[in-house]
Amino acid sequence: MAPSLAKLMLSNETSLKVLGNSLIMEKVLKYSNAFDIHSFRKTCHGIRTCVDDLKLDPQFEVYVIYMITDKKIDAAARVTGYKTFKSISYEQINDCENIITTVLAVLEMNLKNQKACLEELRLVCSFYEWTVKSKEPLETLIPEKLVPITSEFLAGFKEILKRRSGLLKVKKLNLYSVREEDVMQVLPYLDPKSLEKLQIGDSHWLHGELYHKTDYPESLKISYDIEEMTKTEQWKNLRQVTVNTGILSTPIQKMNLTNCSKIYITSVARITSDDVVYLKENLLTPKLQSCTICFEEFVEDPQLTEFFGQPRYIERAVVVFKRDRRIWYFPIPGANGSMMEIDLDRKLCLENVDSFKYE
């Protein structure tokens, strides 16, 4: 808060009446950030009503919700023009409380008047404090705690987004430890013209990424299908897509990736020679930066060489990998000499390059 405002004694009755005037309060709030606005709201009913009636844009730049356990949730936010985050922790002390209701109420208050585009909205739907040893096995913790609390929170967040007077503008959406149906609780209710980047990850990926653990039970790994979300306007306008999942079952040609410039997918169940040709034909544009797709199974077709010609570079397979590494280059129309490099090995990489990797 500005030094001049900090000196104001809001306990003074005259000050309270003055700040209850909407014309005066509007001028005061021009020099305040979102957190100052919340402080004003807590002063008294008259000022809170005045602040709410003005419907000023809090101008959040980044907003993060981290569901640490089913009884503990952290929230953090940064406003435009500031480098530091302000955070708050919510803990459910007894069974009579509903931590989800509390967090959603604050979230709606914070975002209902947000008009500026959020640079990033990050929702981490975790379920277990891995730093604390539990007597319960993962097989019990994940289905019993992750799904209900995540579903309840995202269903509530969906209603918040639907109640807004306009679609929430977000440039980058990060959703971690979510299922495909969870993503659909948020994605269709964001402004499609603003959303450029989407990163999603399931609980299997989060388990390894955040906690550097490899003991995620095989029995809990589920197939991930993104076909429904790829049909949304929000997906079709994306520039960057990152999908970090155990196994992605959606066929490559149904992923609707042709508008993207940067793509990273950790693991698809199956990729074919037709898929490689499809990606080459549809991504061969100057906007391409890179496309990396890891796969479980590659279905080879002799016609791949007929379509692409002989690779410029071949690295013979060692016994462990059982597949030759092949690299092709294709000129990108209208790209001033840039080329698409297709590197097919244990994963498929398509990249915009200026020179040959191997002479």
Protein backbone atom coordinates (compact mmCIF):
# COMPACT_ATOMS: atom_id res chain seq x y z
CA MET A 1 0.00 0.00 0.00
CA ALA A 2 1.23 3.53 -0.74
CA PRO A 3 2.90 5.24 2.29
CA SER A 4 0.28 7.98 2.36
CA LEU A 5 -2.48 5.38 2.58
CA ALA A 6 -0.67 3.38 5.21
CA LYS A 7 -0.80 6.40 7.56
CA LEU A 8 -4.57 6.64 7.26
CA MET A 9 -6.29 5.62 10.48
CA LEU A 10 -9.27 3.64 9.28
CA SER A 11 -10.51 3.28 12.83
CA ASN A 12 -11.38 6.97 12.66
CA GLU A 13 -15.11 7.33 11.97
CA THR A 14 -14.64 10.27 9.60
CA SER A 15 -12.11 8.31 7.54
CA LEU A 16 -14.54 5.44 7.24
CA LYS A 17 -17.28 7.73 5.95
CA VAL A 18 -14.94 9.41 3.47
CA LEU A 19 -13.72 6.11 2.05
CA GLY A 20 -17.31 4.93 1.79
CA ASN A 21 -17.76 7.53 -0.96
CA SER A 22 -17.39 5.76 -4.31
CA LEU A 23 -15.76 8.76 -6.06
CA ILE A 24 -13.07 9.06 -3.40
CA MET A 25 -12.57 5.31 -3.09
CA GLU A 26 -12.15 4.94 -6.85
CA LYS A 27 -9.30 7.47 -6.83
CA VAL A 28 -7.69 5.78 -3.81
CA LEU A 29 -7.85 2.34 -5.39
CA LYS A 30 -6.08 3.56 -8.53
CA TYR A 31 -2.91 3.55 -6.42
CA SER A 32 -3.60 0.19 -4.78
CA ASN A 33 -2.99 -3.39 -5.86
CA ALA A 34 -5.30 -6.37 -5.47
CA PHE A 35 -4.07 -7.15 -1.96
CA ASP A 36 -4.69 -3.58 -0.79
CA ILE A 37 -8.22 -3.85 -2.16
CA HIS A 38 -8.81 -6.95 -0.05
CA SER A 39 -7.53 -5.12 3.01
CA PHE A 40 -10.01 -2.32 2.40
CA ARG A 41 -12.85 -4.85 2.09
CA LYS A 42 -12.13 -6.16 5.58
CA THR A 43 -12.40 -2.70 7.17
CA CYS A 44 -16.16 -2.33 7.48
CA HIS A 45 -19.40 -3.12 5.68
CA GLY A 46 -19.71 0.34 4.08
CA ILE A 47 -16.24 0.28 2.54
CA ARG A 48 -16.64 -3.34 1.45
CA THR A 49 -19.89 -2.47 -0.33
CA CYS A 50 -18.26 0.55 -1.95
CA VAL A 51 -15.28 -1.51 -3.19
CA ASP A 52 -17.55 -4.25 -4.53
CA ASP A 53 -19.77 -1.76 -6.36
CA LEU A 54 -16.75 -0.26 -8.16
CA LYS A 55 -15.86 -3.70 -9.63
CA LEU A 56 -12.24 -2.75 -10.18
CA ASP A 57 -9.93 -5.11 -12.04
CA PRO A 58 -7.49 -6.66 -9.52
CA GLN A 59 -5.02 -7.27 -12.39
CA PHE A 60 -3.66 -10.59 -11.23
CA GLU A 61 -0.81 -11.77 -13.43
CA VAL A 62 -0.30 -15.28 -12.05
CA TYR A 63 -2.67 -17.33 -9.89
CA VAL A 64 -1.77 -20.71 -8.38
CA ILE A 65 -3.78 -23.27 -6.42
CA TYR A 66 -1.86 -26.19 -4.94
CA MET A 67 -3.93 -28.95 -3.33
CA ILE A 68 -1.32 -30.49 -1.06
CA THR A 69 -3.62 -32.95 0.72
CA ASP A 70 -7.35 -33.42 1.16
CA LYS A 71 -7.11 -31.13 4.21
CA LYS A 72 -4.51 -28.57 3.13
CA ILE A 73 -4.53 -26.22 0.14
CA ASP A 74 -2.11 -23.41 -0.70
CA ALA A 75 -2.90 -20.42 -2.92
CA ALA A 76 -0.45 -17.88 -4.33
CA ALA A 77 -0.87 -14.88 -6.60
CA ARG A 78 1.17 -12.12 -8.19
CA VAL A 79 -0.23 -8.88 -9.52
CA THR A 80 0.95 -6.95 -12.57
CA GLY A 81 4.00 -4.80 -11.85
CA TYR A 82 5.20 -6.84 -8.87
CA LYS A 83 7.89 -9.54 -8.77
CA THR A 84 6.89 -11.34 -5.59
CA PHE A 85 3.99 -13.66 -4.84
CA LYS A 86 1.63 -13.37 -1.92
CA SER A 87 0.50 -16.73 -0.58
CA ILE A 88 -1.96 -18.13 1.91
CA SER A 89 -2.46 -21.63 3.32
CA TYR A 90 -5.83 -23.17 4.10
CA GLU A 91 -6.09 -26.07 6.53
CA GLN A 92 -9.14 -28.03 7.55
CA ILE A 93 -9.00 -28.42 11.33
CA ASN A 94 -12.14 -30.45 11.91
CA ASP A 95 -14.63 -32.47 9.89
CA CYS A 96 -17.32 -29.79 10.20
CA GLU A 97 -15.37 -27.49 7.89
CA ASN A 98 -15.23 -27.74 4.11
CA ILE A 99 -11.87 -26.52 2.87
CA ILE A 100 -12.98 -26.65 -0.77
CA THR A 101 -15.89 -24.27 -0.10
CA THR A 102 -13.57 -21.81 1.63
CA VAL A 103 -10.95 -21.82 -1.13
CA LEU A 104 -13.57 -21.49 -3.88
CA ALA A 105 -15.23 -18.53 -2.14
CA VAL A 106 -11.94 -16.63 -2.01
CA LEU A 107 -11.10 -17.64 -5.57
CA GLU A 108 -14.40 -16.28 -6.86
CA MET A 109 -13.98 -13.02 -4.96
CA ASN A 110 -10.50 -12.61 -6.43
CA LEU A 111 -11.34 -13.40 -10.04
CA LYS A 112 -14.91 -12.19 -10.53
CA ASN A 113 -13.77 -8.74 -11.71
CA GLN A 114 -10.54 -9.83 -13.39
CA LYS A 115 -10.49 -8.28 -16.85
CA ALA A 116 -6.76 -8.27 -17.59
CA CYS A 117 -5.34 -11.43 -19.12
CA LEU A 118 -3.70 -13.77 -16.61
CA GLU A 119 -0.24 -14.70 -17.80
CA GLU A 120 -0.63 -18.05 -16.04
CA LEU A 121 -3.28 -20.01 -14.18
CA ARG A 122 -1.84 -23.06 -12.45
CA LEU A 123 -3.90 -25.72 -10.66
CA VAL A 124 -1.96 -28.53 -9.01
CA CYS A 125 -4.43 -31.16 -7.85
CA SER A 126 -2.23 -33.23 -5.60
CA PHE A 127 -3.52 -35.49 -2.88
CA TYR A 128 -0.77 -36.64 -0.59
CA GLU A 129 2.02 -34.94 1.34
CA TRP A 130 4.87 -37.10 0.13
CA THR A 131 7.31 -35.70 2.67
CA VAL A 132 5.29 -37.37 5.40
CA LYS A 133 5.28 -41.14 5.64
CA SER A 134 1.81 -42.62 5.70
CA LYS A 135 0.62 -46.00 6.84
CA GLU A 136 -1.82 -46.03 3.94
CA PRO A 137 -0.58 -47.53 0.65
CA LEU A 138 -0.65 -45.48 -2.54
CA GLU A 139 -3.29 -47.80 -3.96
CA THR A 140 -5.65 -46.57 -1.23
CA LEU A 141 -4.64 -42.92 -1.12
CA ILE A 142 -4.97 -42.17 -4.81
CA PRO A 143 -8.49 -43.40 -5.65
CA GLU A 144 -9.97 -42.47 -2.27
CA LYS A 145 -8.51 -38.98 -1.89
CA LEU A 146 -7.43 -37.66 -5.26
CA VAL A 147 -10.59 -38.15 -7.30
CA PRO A 148 -13.25 -36.77 -4.88
CA ILE A 149 -11.39 -33.62 -3.82
CA THR A 150 -10.22 -32.83 -7.35
CA SER A 151 -13.69 -33.37 -8.81
CA GLU A 152 -15.34 -31.24 -6.12
CA PHE A 153 -12.88 -28.38 -6.54
CA LEU A 154 -12.94 -28.31 -10.34
CA ALA A 155 -16.74 -28.62 -10.48
CA GLY A 156 -16.93 -25.59 -8.20
CA PHE A 157 -14.35 -23.70 -10.26
CA LYS A 158 -16.37 -24.45 -13.40
CA GLU A 159 -19.41 -22.78 -11.82
CA ILE A 160 -17.30 -19.74 -10.89
CA LEU A 161 -16.14 -19.41 -14.50
CA LYS A 162 -19.71 -19.77 -15.78
CA ARG A 163 -20.99 -17.05 -13.42
CA ARG A 164 -18.53 -14.47 -14.71
CA SER A 165 -19.89 -11.75 -16.99
CA GLY A 166 -17.19 -12.60 -19.55
CA LEU A 167 -14.81 -15.47 -20.25
CA LEU A 168 -11.69 -15.44 -18.09
CA LYS A 169 -8.64 -14.48 -20.13
CA VAL A 170 -5.65 -16.75 -19.53
CA LYS A 171 -2.51 -16.97 -21.63
CA LYS A 172 -1.06 -20.15 -20.11
CA LEU A 173 -3.05 -22.88 -18.37
CA ASN A 174 -1.24 -25.51 -16.29
CA LEU A 175 -3.25 -28.41 -14.88
CA TYR A 176 -1.36 -31.08 -12.95
CA SER A 177 -2.50 -34.42 -11.53
CA VAL A 178 -5.77 -34.33 -13.44
CA ARG A 179 -7.79 -36.70 -15.60
CA GLU A 180 -9.13 -35.75 -19.02
CA GLU A 181 -12.62 -35.08 -17.61
CA ASP A 182 -11.07 -32.70 -15.07
CA VAL A 183 -9.49 -30.64 -17.84
CA MET A 184 -12.92 -30.27 -19.46
CA GLN A 185 -14.21 -28.62 -16.28
CA VAL A 186 -11.93 -25.64 -16.99
CA LEU A 187 -10.75 -25.49 -20.61
CA PRO A 188 -14.09 -24.71 -22.38
CA TYR A 189 -14.79 -21.77 -20.04
CA LEU A 190 -11.67 -19.74 -20.82
CA ASP A 191 -11.37 -17.12 -23.54
CA PRO A 192 -10.19 -19.03 -26.66
CA LYS A 193 -8.60 -15.93 -28.19
CA SER A 194 -6.32 -15.44 -25.17
CA LEU A 195 -5.23 -18.99 -24.42
CA GLU A 196 -1.92 -19.80 -26.14
CA LYS A 197 -0.28 -22.47 -23.98
CA LEU A 198 -1.67 -25.57 -22.30
CA GLN A 199 0.24 -27.97 -20.09
CA ILE A 200 -1.49 -30.96 -18.51
CA GLY A 201 -0.14 -33.87 -16.52
CA ASP A 202 -1.67 -36.85 -14.75
CA SER A 203 -0.87 -38.07 -11.24
CA HIS A 204 1.64 -40.60 -12.56
CA TRP A 205 3.71 -37.81 -14.13
CA LEU A 206 3.34 -35.52 -11.10
CA HIS A 207 4.52 -38.29 -8.79
CA GLY A 208 7.81 -38.56 -10.65
CA GLU A 209 8.27 -34.89 -11.53
CA LEU A 210 7.70 -33.30 -8.12
CA TYR A 211 8.88 -36.04 -5.81
CA HIS A 212 11.46 -37.80 -8.00
CA LYS A 213 9.87 -41.14 -7.22
CA THR A 214 9.57 -44.14 -9.50
CA ASP A 215 7.38 -46.34 -7.30
CA TYR A 216 4.04 -45.26 -8.76
CA PRO A 217 1.94 -48.46 -8.80
CA GLU A 218 1.48 -49.96 -12.26
CA SER A 219 -2.08 -50.88 -11.33
CA LEU A 220 -2.97 -47.18 -10.99
CA LYS A 221 -1.61 -46.03 -14.34
CA ILE A 222 -4.57 -45.19 -16.53
CA SER A 223 -4.94 -44.59 -20.24
CA TYR A 224 -5.42 -40.89 -21.03
CA ASP A 225 -7.71 -39.70 -23.84
CA ILE A 226 -7.66 -36.06 -24.99
CA GLU A 227 -10.01 -36.35 -27.97
CA GLU A 228 -12.86 -34.37 -26.39
CA MET A 229 -10.67 -31.45 -25.39
CA THR A 230 -9.11 -31.30 -28.87
CA LYS A 231 -12.56 -30.45 -30.26
CA THR A 232 -12.84 -27.22 -28.23
CA GLU A 233 -12.17 -23.78 -29.69
CA GLN A 234 -9.63 -23.22 -26.93
CA TRP A 235 -7.55 -26.19 -28.07
CA LYS A 236 -7.79 -25.26 -31.75
CA ASN A 237 -6.27 -21.83 -31.03
CA LEU A 238 -3.35 -23.10 -28.95
CA ARG A 239 0.23 -22.34 -29.96
CA GLN A 240 1.93 -24.64 -27.46
CA VAL A 241 0.76 -27.98 -26.05
CA THR A 242 2.47 -30.16 -23.45
CA VAL A 243 0.85 -33.43 -22.39
CA ASN A 244 2.66 -35.33 -19.64
CA THR A 245 0.84 -38.59 -19.04
CA GLY A 246 1.54 -42.27 -18.53
CA ILE A 247 -0.05 -43.50 -21.76
CA LEU A 248 -1.99 -41.32 -24.19
CA SER A 249 -4.47 -43.45 -26.14
CA THR A 250 -5.74 -40.76 -28.55
CA PRO A 251 -4.59 -41.40 -32.15
CA ILE A 252 -2.13 -38.80 -33.47
CA GLN A 253 -4.39 -37.74 -36.32
CA LYS A 254 -7.24 -36.97 -33.90
CA MET A 255 -5.14 -34.68 -31.69
CA ASN A 256 -5.74 -31.58 -33.80
CA LEU A 257 -2.14 -30.36 -33.48
CA THR A 258 -1.78 -28.64 -36.83
CA ASN A 259 -2.19 -25.10 -35.47
CA CYS A 260 0.52 -25.52 -32.83
CA SER A 261 4.10 -24.32 -33.14
CA LYS A 262 5.48 -26.19 -30.13
CA ILE A 263 4.33 -29.67 -29.06
CA TYR A 264 5.61 -32.07 -26.41
CA ILE A 265 3.86 -35.35 -25.58
CA THR A 266 5.53 -37.77 -23.20
CA SER A 267 4.00 -41.05 -24.29
CA VAL A 268 1.46 -42.14 -26.88
CA ALA A 269 0.43 -45.76 -27.05
CA ARG A 270 1.08 -46.17 -30.76
CA ILE A 271 2.43 -44.24 -33.72
CA THR A 272 2.49 -45.30 -37.37
CA SER A 273 4.30 -44.31 -40.54
CA ASP A 274 1.06 -42.66 -41.67
CA ASP A 275 1.16 -40.50 -38.53
CA VAL A 276 4.71 -39.39 -39.31
CA VAL A 277 3.69 -38.44 -42.86
CA TYR A 278 0.58 -36.65 -41.54
CA LEU A 279 2.62 -34.55 -39.11
CA LYS A 280 5.19 -33.70 -41.76
CA GLU A 281 2.54 -32.55 -44.23
CA ASN A 282 0.59 -30.49 -41.67
CA LEU A 283 3.44 -28.96 -39.65
CA LEU A 284 5.67 -28.00 -42.58
CA THR A 285 5.14 -24.26 -42.06
CA PRO A 286 7.34 -21.36 -40.86
CA LYS A 287 5.50 -21.24 -37.51
CA LEU A 288 6.87 -24.67 -36.51
CA GLN A 289 9.34 -24.55 -33.63
CA SER A 290 9.45 -28.13 -32.41
CA CYS A 291 7.30 -31.23 -32.00
CA THR A 292 8.40 -34.12 -29.79
CA ILE A 293 6.28 -37.24 -29.33
CA CYS A 294 7.45 -40.22 -27.30
CA PHE A 295 5.75 -43.52 -28.08
CA GLU A 296 5.36 -47.05 -26.78
CA GLU A 297 5.00 -48.76 -30.16
CA PHE A 298 5.99 -47.75 -33.69
CA VAL A 299 4.29 -49.48 -36.61
CA GLU A 300 6.78 -49.43 -39.48
CA ASP A 301 5.60 -49.20 -43.07
CA PRO A 302 8.06 -49.70 -45.97
CA GLN A 303 6.28 -46.88 -47.78
CA LEU A 304 7.75 -44.36 -45.33
CA THR A 305 10.96 -44.38 -47.35
CA GLU A 306 8.93 -44.02 -50.55
CA PHE A 307 7.27 -40.89 -49.15
CA PHE A 308 10.37 -39.33 -47.59
CA GLY A 309 13.18 -40.79 -49.66
CA GLN A 310 16.37 -42.12 -48.12
CA PRO A 311 17.30 -40.53 -44.76
CA ARG A 312 20.18 -38.08 -44.82
CA TYR A 313 21.57 -39.76 -41.71
CA ILE A 314 21.21 -43.29 -40.33
CA GLU A 315 22.55 -44.48 -36.99
CA ARG A 316 22.41 -48.23 -36.73
CA ALA A 317 20.58 -49.59 -33.71
CA VAL A 318 22.32 -51.19 -30.80
CA VAL A 319 20.83 -54.33 -29.31
CA VAL A 320 19.01 -52.44 -26.54
CA PHE A 321 17.01 -50.10 -28.80
CA LYS A 322 16.39 -52.43 -31.78
CA ARG A 323 15.57 -49.56 -34.14
CA ASP A 324 17.77 -47.50 -36.44
CA ARG A 325 17.80 -43.77 -35.93
CA ARG A 326 16.85 -41.95 -39.14
CA ILE A 327 16.94 -38.23 -39.92
CA TRP A 328 15.32 -36.47 -42.88
CA TYR A 329 15.31 -32.80 -43.91
CA PHE A 330 12.65 -30.92 -45.86
CA PRO A 331 12.71 -27.24 -46.89
CA ILE A 332 9.99 -25.14 -45.24
CA PRO A 333 8.14 -23.00 -47.81
CA GLY A 334 8.49 -19.27 -47.15
CA ALA A 335 10.98 -19.74 -44.30
CA ASN A 336 14.14 -18.21 -45.84
CA GLY A 337 16.13 -21.41 -46.02
CA SER A 338 14.92 -23.05 -42.80
CA MET A 339 14.23 -26.77 -42.86
CA MET A 340 12.10 -29.27 -41.03
CA GLU A 341 14.26 -31.92 -39.42
CA ILE A 342 12.50 -35.23 -38.76
CA ASP A 343 14.40 -37.37 -36.28
CA LEU A 344 12.85 -40.82 -35.78
CA ASP A 345 14.31 -43.04 -33.09
CA ARG A 346 12.85 -44.04 -29.74
CA LYS A 347 10.80 -40.86 -30.11
CA LEU A 348 9.67 -38.68 -32.99
CA CYS A 349 11.08 -35.15 -33.21
CA LEU A 350 10.18 -32.54 -35.82
CA GLU A 351 12.08 -29.28 -35.55
CA ASN A 352 12.67 -26.05 -37.45
CA VAL A 353 16.44 -25.88 -38.09
CA ASP A 354 18.82 -23.71 -40.11
CA SER A 355 21.43 -26.35 -40.92
CA PHE A 356 22.01 -30.09 -41.16
CA LYS A 357 22.73 -31.79 -37.85
CA TYR A 358 25.05 -34.30 -39.50
CA GLU A 359 27.08 -33.55 -42.62
